[in-house]
C-alpha atoms as a PDB file:
ATOM      1  CA  UNK A   1      69.797 -28.712 101.894  1.00  0.00           C
ATOM      2  CA  UNK A   2      71.362 -25.337 102.233  1.00  0.00           C
ATOM      3  CA  UNK A   3      71.768 -23.814 105.695  1.00  0.00           C
ATOM      4  CA  UNK A   4      71.426 -20.140 106.371  1.00  0.00           C
ATOM      5  CA  UNK A   5      74.285 -18.251 107.861  1.00  0.00           C
ATOM      6  CA  UNK A   6      74.091 -16.684 111.289  1.00  0.00           C
ATOM      7  CA  UNK A   7      74.021 -13.186 109.776  1.00  0.00           C
ATOM      8  CA  UNK A   8      71.084 -14.074 107.522  1.00  0.00           C
ATOM      9  CA  UNK A   9      69.124 -15.436 110.477  1.00  0.00           C
ATOM     10  CA  UNK A  10      69.948 -12.343 112.503  1.00  0.00           C
ATOM     11  CA  UNK A  11      68.724 -10.141 109.638  1.00  0.00           C
ATOM     12  CA  UNK A  12      65.455 -12.075 109.503  1.00  0.00           C
ATOM     13  CA  UNK A  13      65.023 -11.813 113.279  1.00  0.00           C
ATOM     14  CA  UNK A  14      65.711  -8.068 113.150  1.00  0.00           C
ATOM     15  CA  UNK A  15      63.146  -7.663 110.372  1.00  0.00           C
ATOM     16  CA  UNK A  16      60.536  -9.580 112.357  1.00  0.00           C
ATOM     17  CA  UNK A  17      61.226  -7.467 115.452  1.00  0.00           C
ATOM     18  CA  UNK A  18      60.905  -4.295 113.391  1.00  0.00           C
ATOM     19  CA  UNK A  19      57.610  -5.461 111.894  1.00  0.00           C
ATOM     20  CA  UNK A  20      56.285  -6.374 115.337  1.00  0.00           C
ATOM     21  CA  UNK A  21      57.197  -2.939 116.655  1.00  0.00           C
ATOM     22  CA  UNK A  22      55.455  -1.285 113.712  1.00  0.00           C
ATOM     23  CA  UNK A  23      52.329  -3.394 114.210  1.00  0.00           C
ATOM     24  CA  UNK A  24      52.234  -2.495 117.917  1.00  0.00           C
ATOM     25  CA  UNK A  25      52.617   1.220 117.089  1.00  0.00           C
ATOM     26  CA  UNK A  26      49.758   0.973 114.597  1.00  0.00           C
ATOM     27  CA  UNK A  27      47.612  -0.800 117.175  1.00  0.00           C
ATOM     28  CA  UNK A  28      48.209   1.920 119.778  1.00  0.00           C
ATOM     29  CA  UNK A  29      47.376   4.584 117.196  1.00  0.00           C
ATOM     30  CA  UNK A  30      44.189   2.779 116.191  1.00  0.00           C
ATOM     31  CA  UNK A  31      43.151   2.276 119.831  1.00  0.00           C
ATOM     32  CA  UNK A  32      43.679   5.991 120.497  1.00  0.00           C
ATOM     33  CA  UNK A  33      41.659   6.956 117.436  1.00  0.00           C
ATOM     34  CA  UNK A  34      38.924   4.535 118.465  1.00  0.00           C
ATOM     35  CA  UNK A  35      38.750   6.108 121.922  1.00  0.00           C
ATOM     36  CA  UNK A  36      38.550   9.637 120.466  1.00  0.00           C
ATOM     37  CA  UNK A  37      35.844   8.492 118.058  1.00  0.00           C
ATOM     38  CA  UNK A  38      33.881   6.875 120.891  1.00  0.00           C
ATOM     39  CA  UNK A  39      33.982  10.106 122.896  1.00  0.00           C
ATOM     40  CA  UNK A  40      32.887  12.099 119.832  1.00  0.00           C
ATOM     41  CA  UNK A  41      30.009   9.689 119.183  1.00  0.00           C
ATOM     42  CA  UNK A  42      28.926   9.935 122.818  1.00  0.00           C
ATOM     43  CA  UNK A  43      28.852  13.727 122.464  1.00  0.00           C
ATOM     44  CA  UNK A  44      26.773  13.496 119.298  1.00  0.00           C
ATOM     45  CA  UNK A  45      24.372  11.043 120.929  1.00  0.00           C
ATOM     46  CA  UNK A  46      23.944  13.463 123.814  1.00  0.00           C
ATOM     47  CA  UNK A  47      23.169  16.315 121.424  1.00  0.00           C
ATOM     48  CA  UNK A  48      20.659  14.171 119.539  1.00  0.00           C
ATOM     49  CA  UNK A  49      18.943  13.151 122.759  1.00  0.00           C
ATOM     50  CA  UNK A  50      18.044  16.762 123.581  1.00  0.00           C
ATOM     51  CA  UNK A  51      14.313  17.458 123.094  1.00  0.00           C
ATOM     52  CA  UNK A  52      13.453  19.213 119.864  1.00  0.00           C
ATOM     53  CA  UNK A  53      11.181  22.231 119.497  1.00  0.00           C
ATOM     54  CA  UNK A  54       7.626  20.911 119.237  1.00  0.00           C
ATOM     55  CA  UNK A  55       5.281  23.696 120.301  1.00  0.00           C
ATOM     56  CA  UNK A  56       5.115  27.486 119.848  1.00  0.00           C
ATOM     57  CA  UNK A  57       5.429  28.024 123.594  1.00  0.00           C
ATOM     58  CA  UNK A  58       8.831  26.368 123.492  1.00  0.00           C
ATOM     59  CA  UNK A  59      10.150  28.941 121.025  1.00  0.00           C
ATOM     60  CA  UNK A  60      11.198  31.242 123.845  1.00  0.00           C
ATOM     61  CA  UNK A  61      14.731  30.409 124.888  1.00  0.00           C
ATOM     62  CA  UNK A  62      15.104  28.680 128.210  1.00  0.00           C
ATOM     63  CA  UNK A  63      17.178  30.523 130.781  1.00  0.00           C
ATOM     64  CA  UNK A  64      20.711  29.240 130.922  1.00  0.00           C
ATOM     65  CA  UNK A  65      22.585  28.469 134.063  1.00  0.00           C
ATOM     66  CA  UNK A  66      24.842  31.397 134.965  1.00  0.00           C
ATOM     67  CA  UNK A  67      27.553  28.951 135.972  1.00  0.00           C
ATOM     68  CA  UNK A  68      27.955  27.182 132.640  1.00  0.00           C
ATOM     69  CA  UNK A  69      26.684  29.120 129.624  1.00  0.00           C
ATOM     70  CA  UNK A  70      27.071  27.235 126.355  1.00  0.00           C
ATOM     71  CA  UNK A  71      28.971  24.428 128.027  1.00  0.00           C
ATOM     72  CA  UNK A  72      29.746  21.471 125.751  1.00  0.00           C
ATOM     73  CA  UNK A  73      27.988  18.184 126.481  1.00  0.00           C
ATOM     74  CA  UNK A  74      29.779  15.831 128.813  1.00  0.00           C
ATOM     75  CA  UNK A  75      30.962  12.601 127.201  1.00  0.00           C
ATOM     76  CA  UNK A  76      29.864   9.326 128.698  1.00  0.00           C
ATOM     77  CA  UNK A  77      31.810   8.053 131.680  1.00  0.00           C
ATOM     78  CA  UNK A  78      34.753   5.773 131.044  1.00  0.00           C
ATOM     79  CA  UNK A  79      34.958   2.500 132.913  1.00  0.00           C
ATOM     80  CA  UNK A  80      38.138   0.561 133.580  1.00  0.00           C
ATOM     81  CA  UNK A  81      37.620  -3.180 133.444  1.00  0.00           C
ATOM     82  CA  UNK A  82      39.150  -5.513 136.011  1.00  0.00           C
ATOM     83  CA  UNK A  83      42.580  -6.875 135.093  1.00  0.00           C
ATOM     84  CA  UNK A  84      42.824 -10.654 135.452  1.00  0.00           C
ATOM     85  CA  UNK A  85      46.358 -10.969 133.985  1.00  0.00           C
ATOM     86  CA  UNK A  86      45.168 -11.655 130.423  1.00  0.00           C
ATOM     87  CA  UNK A  87      45.978  -9.154 127.655  1.00  0.00           C
ATOM     88  CA  UNK A  88      48.262  -6.954 129.783  1.00  0.00           C
ATOM     89  CA  UNK A  89      49.160  -4.524 126.976  1.00  0.00           C
ATOM     90  CA  UNK A  90      45.501  -3.865 126.182  1.00  0.00           C
ATOM     91  CA  UNK A  91      44.665  -3.319 129.832  1.00  0.00           C
ATOM     92  CA  UNK A  92      47.629  -0.987 130.435  1.00  0.00           C
ATOM     93  CA  UNK A  93      46.570   1.097 127.440  1.00  0.00           C
ATOM     94  CA  UNK A  94      42.977   1.282 128.719  1.00  0.00           C
ATOM     95  CA  UNK A  95      44.176   2.144 132.230  1.00  0.00           C
ATOM     96  CA  UNK A  96      46.367   4.932 130.853  1.00  0.00           C
ATOM     97  CA  UNK A  97      43.439   6.357 128.874  1.00  0.00           C
ATOM     98  CA  UNK A  98      41.209   6.102 131.958  1.00  0.00           C
ATOM     99  CA  UNK A  99      43.705   7.901 134.209  1.00  0.00           C
ATOM    100  CA  UNK A 100      44.353  10.634 131.646  1.00  0.00           C
ATOM    101  CA  UNK A 101      40.634  11.172 131.016  1.00  0.00           C
ATOM    102  CA  UNK A 102      39.985  11.673 134.729  1.00  0.00           C
ATOM    103  CA  UNK A 103      43.274  13.625 135.240  1.00  0.00           C
ATOM    104  CA  UNK A 104      44.486  11.276 137.957  1.00  0.00           C
ATOM    105  CA  UNK A 105      48.027  12.303 139.012  1.00  0.00           C
ATOM    106  CA  UNK A 106      50.838   9.838 138.372  1.00  0.00           C
ATOM    107  CA  UNK A 107      51.613   9.437 142.074  1.00  0.00           C
ATOM    108  CA  UNK A 108      48.039   8.232 142.758  1.00  0.00           C
ATOM    109  CA  UNK A 109      47.679   5.803 139.862  1.00  0.00           C
ATOM    110  CA  UNK A 110      49.467   2.861 141.472  1.00  0.00           C
ATOM    111  CA  UNK A 111      47.261   3.081 144.559  1.00  0.00           C
ATOM    112  CA  UNK A 112      44.119   3.112 142.435  1.00  0.00           C
ATOM    113  CA  UNK A 113      45.154   0.406 139.988  1.00  0.00           C
ATOM    114  CA  UNK A 114      45.073  -2.276 142.699  1.00  0.00           C
ATOM    115  CA  UNK A 115      41.308  -1.753 142.949  1.00  0.00           C
ATOM    116  CA  UNK A 116      40.971  -2.900 139.332  1.00  0.00           C
ATOM    117  CA  UNK A 117      42.748  -6.254 139.653  1.00  0.00           C
ATOM    118  CA  UNK A 118      41.309  -9.710 140.152  1.00  0.00           C
ATOM    119  CA  UNK A 119      42.338 -13.358 140.117  1.00  0.00           C
ATOM    120  CA  UNK A 120      45.951 -14.137 139.182  1.00  0.00           C
ATOM    121  CA  UNK A 121      46.728 -10.429 138.796  1.00  0.00           C
ATOM    122  CA  UNK A 122      46.484 -10.015 142.573  1.00  0.00           C
ATOM    123  CA  UNK A 123      49.030 -12.721 143.336  1.00  0.00           C
END
């Protein structure tokens, strides 16, 4: 049986590490696209839930609020699930999206993240 040289094994390990990095990058990209799509769908659902014109008396335009004319619909609220120490990369990505969506400053994130931990993650 032929043995592989150290350099061949190192090349294989480097290739595996490179593939793993690429897969992780693709996953982050897909998760980001999924989040953007979810927000877009929530906006479309909001628009579709508006009542349609059903009677002639409703043909007159309703007065708009002077504070927010033609404001876009608000997307649904994002919720950050509790972290129980399983799937840390997934949870960190979700936490980052949550904090960015709500514009939470970096210096306040660590204080808030402890409220979203449970079980082994607290110890």
